[in-house]
Amino acid sequence: MSEAGILRHMALFWLKRPDSIEDRNMLIAGVETLRAIPQVKTLHIGVPAPTEARDVVDHSWAVSETMTFDSLEDQAAYQPHPLHEAFIARCGHLWERVAVYDIFDAPQG
């Protein structure tokens, strides 16, 4: 593990056809293939929860992925990995937008 701790890598995907359950399921299946990349320590796949509509809540995305990596180097090795590149080639036509957030725990004290 790096000195900064575990790296959380979160991506939100907006589908080109947001009402297509088939496209959503195809994207979820594609994200699932990323679990086989050795540098990926954990993978969680999600969809928006049906919580109340408020100004600060964004329900507009379709699928999320949250991964953890032991280091920045592991995350960097993940990017060009053949399974990651295959996922983009196979599923990239499904989304119109992706937002990525890479997160370290805040310093304590």
C-alpha atoms as a PDB file:
ATOM      1  CA  MET A   1       0.000   0.000   0.000  1.00  0.00           C
ATOM      2  CA  SER A   2       1.252   3.504  -0.777  1.00  0.00           C
ATOM      3  CA  GLU A   3       2.108   6.047   1.908  1.00  0.00           C
ATOM      4  CA  ALA A   4      -1.102   7.920   1.036  1.00  0.00           C
ATOM      5  CA  GLY A   5      -3.187   4.782   1.623  1.00  0.00           C
ATOM      6  CA  ILE A   6      -5.687   3.011  -0.543  1.00  0.00           C
ATOM      7  CA  LEU A   7      -6.765   4.787  -3.724  1.00  0.00           C
ATOM      8  CA  ARG A   8     -10.494   4.752  -4.422  1.00  0.00           C
ATOM      9  CA  HIS A   9     -11.339   5.126  -8.107  1.00  0.00           C
ATOM     10  CA  MET A  10     -14.962   6.028  -8.785  1.00  0.00           C
ATOM     11  CA  ALA A  11     -16.525   6.425 -12.221  1.00  0.00           C
ATOM     12  CA  LEU A  12     -20.060   7.507 -13.055  1.00  0.00           C
ATOM     13  CA  PHE A  13     -21.457   6.629 -16.487  1.00  0.00           C
ATOM     14  CA  TRP A  14     -24.272   8.407 -18.345  1.00  0.00           C
ATOM     15  CA  LEU A  15     -25.788   6.282 -21.093  1.00  0.00           C
ATOM     16  CA  LYS A  16     -26.532   7.595 -24.575  1.00  0.00           C
ATOM     17  CA  ARG A  17     -29.891   5.822 -24.237  1.00  0.00           C
ATOM     18  CA  PRO A  18     -30.690   6.339 -20.543  1.00  0.00           C
ATOM     19  CA  ASP A  19     -33.982   4.436 -20.694  1.00  0.00           C
ATOM     20  CA  SER A  20     -32.407   1.301 -22.191  1.00  0.00           C
ATOM     21  CA  ILE A  21     -32.235  -1.487 -19.607  1.00  0.00           C
ATOM     22  CA  GLU A  22     -30.371  -3.567 -22.205  1.00  0.00           C
ATOM     23  CA  ASP A  23     -27.628  -0.933 -22.511  1.00  0.00           C
ATOM     24  CA  ARG A  24     -27.414  -0.567 -18.729  1.00  0.00           C
ATOM     25  CA  ASN A  25     -27.083  -4.320 -18.268  1.00  0.00           C
ATOM     26  CA  MET A  26     -24.468  -4.531 -21.034  1.00  0.00           C
ATOM     27  CA  LEU A  27     -22.445  -1.788 -19.308  1.00  0.00           C
ATOM     28  CA  ILE A  28     -22.747  -3.518 -15.924  1.00  0.00           C
ATOM     29  CA  ALA A  29     -21.526  -6.786 -17.479  1.00  0.00           C
ATOM     30  CA  GLY A  30     -18.625  -4.921 -19.060  1.00  0.00           C
ATOM     31  CA  VAL A  31     -17.621  -3.285 -15.784  1.00  0.00           C
ATOM     32  CA  GLU A  32     -17.748  -6.699 -14.121  1.00  0.00           C
ATOM     33  CA  THR A  33     -14.946  -7.909 -16.446  1.00  0.00           C
ATOM     34  CA  LEU A  34     -12.601  -5.357 -14.835  1.00  0.00           C
ATOM     35  CA  ARG A  35     -12.630  -7.401 -11.635  1.00  0.00           C
ATOM     36  CA  ALA A  36     -10.119  -9.795 -13.293  1.00  0.00           C
ATOM     37  CA  ILE A  37      -7.420  -7.112 -13.526  1.00  0.00           C
ATOM     38  CA  PRO A  38      -4.839  -8.033 -10.858  1.00  0.00           C
ATOM     39  CA  GLN A  39      -4.328  -4.466  -9.624  1.00  0.00           C
ATOM     40  CA  VAL A  40      -8.053  -4.063  -8.846  1.00  0.00           C
ATOM     41  CA  LYS A  41      -8.389  -4.969  -5.171  1.00  0.00           C
ATOM     42  CA  THR A  42     -12.138  -4.423  -4.830  1.00  0.00           C
ATOM     43  CA  LEU A  43     -14.910  -3.514  -7.257  1.00  0.00           C
ATOM     44  CA  HIS A  44     -18.411  -2.298  -6.482  1.00  0.00           C
ATOM     45  CA  ILE A  45     -20.938  -1.669  -9.263  1.00  0.00           C
ATOM     46  CA  GLY A  46     -23.973   0.478  -8.537  1.00  0.00           C
ATOM     47  CA  VAL A  47     -27.057   2.184  -9.935  1.00  0.00           C
ATOM     48  CA  PRO A  48     -28.818   5.284  -8.599  1.00  0.00           C
ATOM     49  CA  ALA A  49     -30.859   4.733  -5.464  1.00  0.00           C
ATOM     50  CA  PRO A  50     -34.455   6.002  -5.579  1.00  0.00           C
ATOM     51  CA  THR A  51     -33.886   8.603  -2.879  1.00  0.00           C
ATOM     52  CA  GLU A  52     -35.819  11.847  -2.675  1.00  0.00           C
ATOM     53  CA  ALA A  53     -35.163  14.543  -5.267  1.00  0.00           C
ATOM     54  CA  ARG A  54     -33.191  17.414  -3.744  1.00  0.00           C
ATOM     55  CA  ASP A  55     -31.011  20.109  -5.315  1.00  0.00           C
ATOM     56  CA  VAL A  56     -27.832  18.356  -4.124  1.00  0.00           C
ATOM     57  CA  VAL A  57     -28.776  14.840  -5.283  1.00  0.00           C
ATOM     58  CA  ASP A  58     -27.784  13.751  -8.798  1.00  0.00           C
ATOM     59  CA  HIS A  59     -29.810  10.816 -10.112  1.00  0.00           C
ATOM     60  CA  SER A  60     -28.902  11.496 -13.753  1.00  0.00           C
ATOM     61  CA  TRP A  61     -26.177   8.847 -14.145  1.00  0.00           C
ATOM     62  CA  ALA A  62     -26.902   5.202 -14.960  1.00  0.00           C
ATOM     63  CA  VAL A  63     -24.058   3.025 -13.609  1.00  0.00           C
ATOM     64  CA  SER A  64     -21.226   3.584 -11.162  1.00  0.00           C
ATOM     65  CA  GLU A  65     -18.057   1.682 -10.448  1.00  0.00           C
ATOM     66  CA  THR A  66     -15.925   2.076  -7.362  1.00  0.00           C
ATOM     67  CA  MET A  67     -12.579   0.285  -7.297  1.00  0.00           C
ATOM     68  CA  THR A  68      -9.749   0.268  -4.838  1.00  0.00           C
ATOM     69  CA  PHE A  69      -6.058   0.087  -5.623  1.00  0.00           C
ATOM     70  CA  ASP A  70      -3.127  -0.294  -3.242  1.00  0.00           C
ATOM     71  CA  SER A  71      -1.169   2.530  -4.891  1.00  0.00           C
ATOM     72  CA  LEU A  72      -1.047   5.181  -7.584  1.00  0.00           C
ATOM     73  CA  GLU A  73       1.242   2.833  -9.501  1.00  0.00           C
ATOM     74  CA  ASP A  74      -1.396   0.085  -9.469  1.00  0.00           C
ATOM     75  CA  GLN A  75      -4.021   2.520 -10.751  1.00  0.00           C
ATOM     76  CA  ALA A  76      -1.621   3.658 -13.481  1.00  0.00           C
ATOM     77  CA  ALA A  77      -0.995   0.024 -14.495  1.00  0.00           C
ATOM     78  CA  TYR A  78      -4.758  -0.573 -14.672  1.00  0.00           C
ATOM     79  CA  GLN A  79      -5.326   2.144 -17.285  1.00  0.00           C
ATOM     80  CA  PRO A  80      -3.483   0.444 -20.217  1.00  0.00           C
ATOM     81  CA  HIS A  81      -4.329  -3.110 -19.096  1.00  0.00           C
ATOM     82  CA  PRO A  82      -5.730  -5.161 -22.020  1.00  0.00           C
ATOM     83  CA  LEU A  83      -8.956  -5.973 -20.114  1.00  0.00           C
ATOM     84  CA  HIS A  84      -9.561  -2.271 -19.440  1.00  0.00           C
ATOM     85  CA  GLU A  85      -8.893  -1.397 -23.067  1.00  0.00           C
ATOM     86  CA  ALA A  86     -11.211  -4.242 -24.192  1.00  0.00           C
ATOM     87  CA  PHE A  87     -13.945  -2.901 -21.898  1.00  0.00           C
ATOM     88  CA  ILE A  88     -13.668   0.562 -23.459  1.00  0.00           C
ATOM     89  CA  ALA A  89     -13.700  -0.899 -26.993  1.00  0.00           C
ATOM     90  CA  ARG A  90     -16.708  -3.133 -26.221  1.00  0.00           C
ATOM     91  CA  CYS A  91     -18.785  -0.688 -24.154  1.00  0.00           C
ATOM     92  CA  GLY A  92     -17.611   2.817 -25.067  1.00  0.00           C
ATOM     93  CA  HIS A  93     -20.410   3.245 -27.588  1.00  0.00           C
ATOM     94  CA  LEU A  94     -22.951   2.945 -24.752  1.00  0.00           C
ATOM     95  CA  TRP A  95     -22.055   6.072 -22.805  1.00  0.00           C
ATOM     96  CA  GLU A  96     -22.213   9.752 -23.616  1.00  0.00           C
ATOM     97  CA  ARG A  97     -20.272  10.879 -20.554  1.00  0.00           C
ATOM     98  CA  VAL A  98     -18.037   9.478 -17.832  1.00  0.00           C
ATOM     99  CA  ALA A  99     -16.888  11.335 -14.721  1.00  0.00           C
ATOM    100  CA  VAL A 100     -13.979   9.886 -12.732  1.00  0.00           C
ATOM    101  CA  TYR A 101     -13.072  10.708  -9.135  1.00  0.00           C
ATOM    102  CA  ASP A 102      -9.820   9.374  -7.662  1.00  0.00           C
ATOM    103  CA  ILE A 103      -9.840   9.634  -3.880  1.00  0.00           C
ATOM    104  CA  PHE A 104      -7.414   9.224  -0.972  1.00  0.00           C
ATOM    105  CA  ASP A 105      -8.576   9.364   2.652  1.00  0.00           C
ATOM    106  CA  ALA A 106      -8.232  12.813   4.162  1.00  0.00           C
ATOM    107  CA  PRO A 107      -5.326  13.262   6.586  1.00  0.00           C
ATOM    108  CA  GLN A 108      -6.275  12.797  10.213  1.00  0.00           C
ATOM    109  CA  GLY A 109      -5.290  15.180  12.940  1.00  0.00           C
END
